[in-house]
C-alpha atoms as a PDB file:
ATOM      1  CA  MET A   1      27.849 -34.637  -2.651  1.00  0.00           C
ATOM      2  CA  PRO A   2      26.170 -37.913  -2.244  1.00  0.00           C
ATOM      3  CA  ARG A   3      26.758 -40.272  -4.914  1.00  0.00           C
ATOM      4  CA  THR A   4      23.683 -41.001  -7.414  1.00  0.00           C
ATOM      5  CA  THR A   5      23.019 -44.699  -8.228  1.00  0.00           C
ATOM      6  CA  THR A   6      21.064 -46.018 -11.263  1.00  0.00           C
ATOM      7  CA  MET A   7      19.120 -49.241 -11.006  1.00  0.00           C
ATOM      8  CA  THR A   8      17.280 -51.380 -12.931  1.00  0.00           C
ATOM      9  CA  VAL A   9      13.978 -53.186 -10.627  1.00  0.00           C
ATOM     10  CA  ARG A  10      12.017 -55.956 -12.801  1.00  0.00           C
ATOM     11  CA  VAL A  11       8.085 -56.304 -11.736  1.00  0.00           C
ATOM     12  CA  SER A  12       5.423 -57.577 -12.931  1.00  0.00           C
ATOM     13  CA  GLY A  13       2.046 -58.786 -12.860  1.00  0.00           C
ATOM     14  CA  ALA A  14      -0.095 -57.935  -9.329  1.00  0.00           C
ATOM     15  CA  LEU A  15       3.355 -55.729  -8.371  1.00  0.00           C
ATOM     16  CA  SER A  16       3.558 -53.930 -11.597  1.00  0.00           C
ATOM     17  CA  GLU A  17      -0.155 -53.026 -11.575  1.00  0.00           C
ATOM     18  CA  PHE A  18       0.132 -52.154  -7.366  1.00  0.00           C
ATOM     19  CA  VAL A  19       3.445 -49.588  -8.065  1.00  0.00           C
ATOM     20  CA  ALA A  20       0.883 -48.415 -11.441  1.00  0.00           C
ATOM     21  CA  THR A  21      -1.967 -47.382  -8.959  1.00  0.00           C
ATOM     22  CA  ASN A  22       0.959 -45.807  -6.437  1.00  0.00           C
ATOM     23  CA  VAL A  23       2.423 -43.433  -9.696  1.00  0.00           C
ATOM     24  CA  GLY A  24       0.752 -40.863 -11.412  1.00  0.00           C
ATOM     25  CA  GLU A  25      -1.897 -38.486 -11.280  1.00  0.00           C
ATOM     26  CA  ASP A  26      -4.259 -40.446  -9.467  1.00  0.00           C
ATOM     27  CA  GLY A  27      -1.350 -41.985  -7.382  1.00  0.00           C
ATOM     28  CA  ALA A  28       0.847 -40.633  -4.353  1.00  0.00           C
ATOM     29  CA  TYR A  29       3.982 -40.179  -6.488  1.00  0.00           C
ATOM     30  CA  GLU A  30       4.904 -38.817  -9.590  1.00  0.00           C
ATOM     31  CA  ASN A  31       6.956 -40.857 -11.152  1.00  0.00           C
ATOM     32  CA  VAL A  32       8.319 -44.453 -10.169  1.00  0.00           C
ATOM     33  CA  SER A  33      11.879 -43.239  -9.252  1.00  0.00           C
ATOM     34  CA  GLU A  34      10.173 -41.356  -6.362  1.00  0.00           C
ATOM     35  CA  TYR A  35       8.002 -44.377  -5.130  1.00  0.00           C
ATOM     36  CA  ILE A  36      10.552 -46.531  -4.778  1.00  0.00           C
ATOM     37  CA  ARG A  37      13.471 -43.795  -3.383  1.00  0.00           C
ATOM     38  CA  ASP A  38      10.280 -43.277  -0.878  1.00  0.00           C
ATOM     39  CA  LEU A  39      10.222 -47.108  -0.372  1.00  0.00           C
ATOM     40  CA  ILE A  40      14.116 -47.568   0.414  1.00  0.00           C
ATOM     41  CA  ARG A  41      13.623 -44.794   3.159  1.00  0.00           C
ATOM     42  CA  ARG A  42      10.990 -46.470   5.193  1.00  0.00           C
ATOM     43  CA  ASP A  43      12.931 -49.827   4.783  1.00  0.00           C
ATOM     44  CA  LYS A  44      16.043 -47.597   6.323  1.00  0.00           C
ATOM     45  CA  GLU A  45      14.349 -46.092   9.035  1.00  0.00           C
ATOM     46  CA  ARG A  46      12.287 -49.316  10.134  1.00  0.00           C
ATOM     47  CA  ALA A  47      15.573 -51.215  10.217  1.00  0.00           C
ATOM     48  CA  GLU A  48      17.165 -48.440  12.421  1.00  0.00           C
ATOM     49  CA  HIS A  49      14.362 -48.366  14.393  1.00  0.00           C
ATOM     50  CA  GLU A  50      14.471 -52.219  15.426  1.00  0.00           C
ATOM     51  CA  ALA A  51      17.900 -51.848  15.644  1.00  0.00           C
ATOM     52  CA  PHE A  52      17.995 -48.851  18.302  1.00  0.00           C
ATOM     53  CA  ASP A  53      14.908 -50.733  19.855  1.00  0.00           C
ATOM     54  CA  ARG A  54      17.429 -53.650  20.327  1.00  0.00           C
ATOM     55  CA  LEU A  55      19.931 -51.910  21.891  1.00  0.00           C
ATOM     56  CA  ARG A  56      17.368 -50.172  24.264  1.00  0.00           C
ATOM     57  CA  ALA A  57      16.257 -53.921  24.963  1.00  0.00           C
ATOM     58  CA  GLU A  58      20.043 -54.548  25.678  1.00  0.00           C
ATOM     59  CA  LEU A  59      20.927 -51.789  27.971  1.00  0.00           C
ATOM     60  CA  ASN A  60      17.154 -51.954  30.296  1.00  0.00           C
ATOM     61  CA  ARG A  61      18.236 -55.707  30.848  1.00  0.00           C
ATOM     62  CA  ALA A  62      22.352 -54.478  31.702  1.00  0.00           C
ATOM     63  CA  PHE A  63      20.854 -52.111  34.022  1.00  0.00           C
ATOM     64  CA  ALA A  64      18.243 -54.108  35.460  1.00  0.00           C
ATOM     65  CA  ALA A  65      20.965 -56.239  36.726  1.00  0.00           C
ATOM     66  CA  PRO A  66      21.836 -57.037  39.747  1.00  0.00           C
ATOM     67  CA  GLU A  67      24.945 -55.042  41.162  1.00  0.00           C
ATOM     68  CA  ASP A  68      26.981 -58.270  42.374  1.00  0.00           C
ATOM     69  CA  THR A  69      26.866 -59.569  38.300  1.00  0.00           C
ATOM     70  CA  TYR A  70      28.855 -56.785  37.206  1.00  0.00           C
ATOM     71  CA  LYS A  71      32.766 -57.535  37.295  1.00  0.00           C
ATOM     72  CA  PRO A  72      35.504 -54.743  36.902  1.00  0.00           C
ATOM     73  CA  LEU A  73      37.098 -54.878  33.871  1.00  0.00           C
ATOM     74  CA  THR A  74      39.696 -52.437  32.293  1.00  0.00           C
ATOM     75  CA  ALA A  75      40.495 -51.119  28.768  1.00  0.00           C
ATOM     76  CA  ALA A  76      43.060 -54.125  28.062  1.00  0.00           C
ATOM     77  CA  ASP A  77      41.049 -56.795  29.447  1.00  0.00           C
ATOM     78  CA  VAL A  78      38.110 -55.288  26.808  1.00  0.00           C
ATOM     79  CA  ILE A  79      40.613 -55.441  23.776  1.00  0.00           C
ATOM     80  CA  ALA A  80      41.880 -58.912  25.028  1.00  0.00           C
ATOM     81  CA  ARG A  81      38.042 -60.048  24.809  1.00  0.00           C
ATOM     82  CA  ASN A  82      37.016 -58.599  21.732  1.00  0.00           C
ATOM     83  CA  ARG A  83      40.218 -60.181  20.084  1.00  0.00           C
ATOM     84  CA  THR A  84      39.088 -63.854  21.006  1.00  0.00           C
END
């Protein structure tokens, strides 16, 4: 089962008011914890999509490269290159 961590977050002024409008009877969330968890989930999802998009762009560039730019490599070549 995932570990639960308690964190303290301080917000004031306009941020505090904004949180208050999103929590409670008139808000989309029942409590602040639910709101923060949703924000974190969405930010994690955004970061994962950005990483995937970068990988896809890199793979598209690699597959679009002319055949003569490819060099044969052995596993030992890759290991040696990654050690430097």
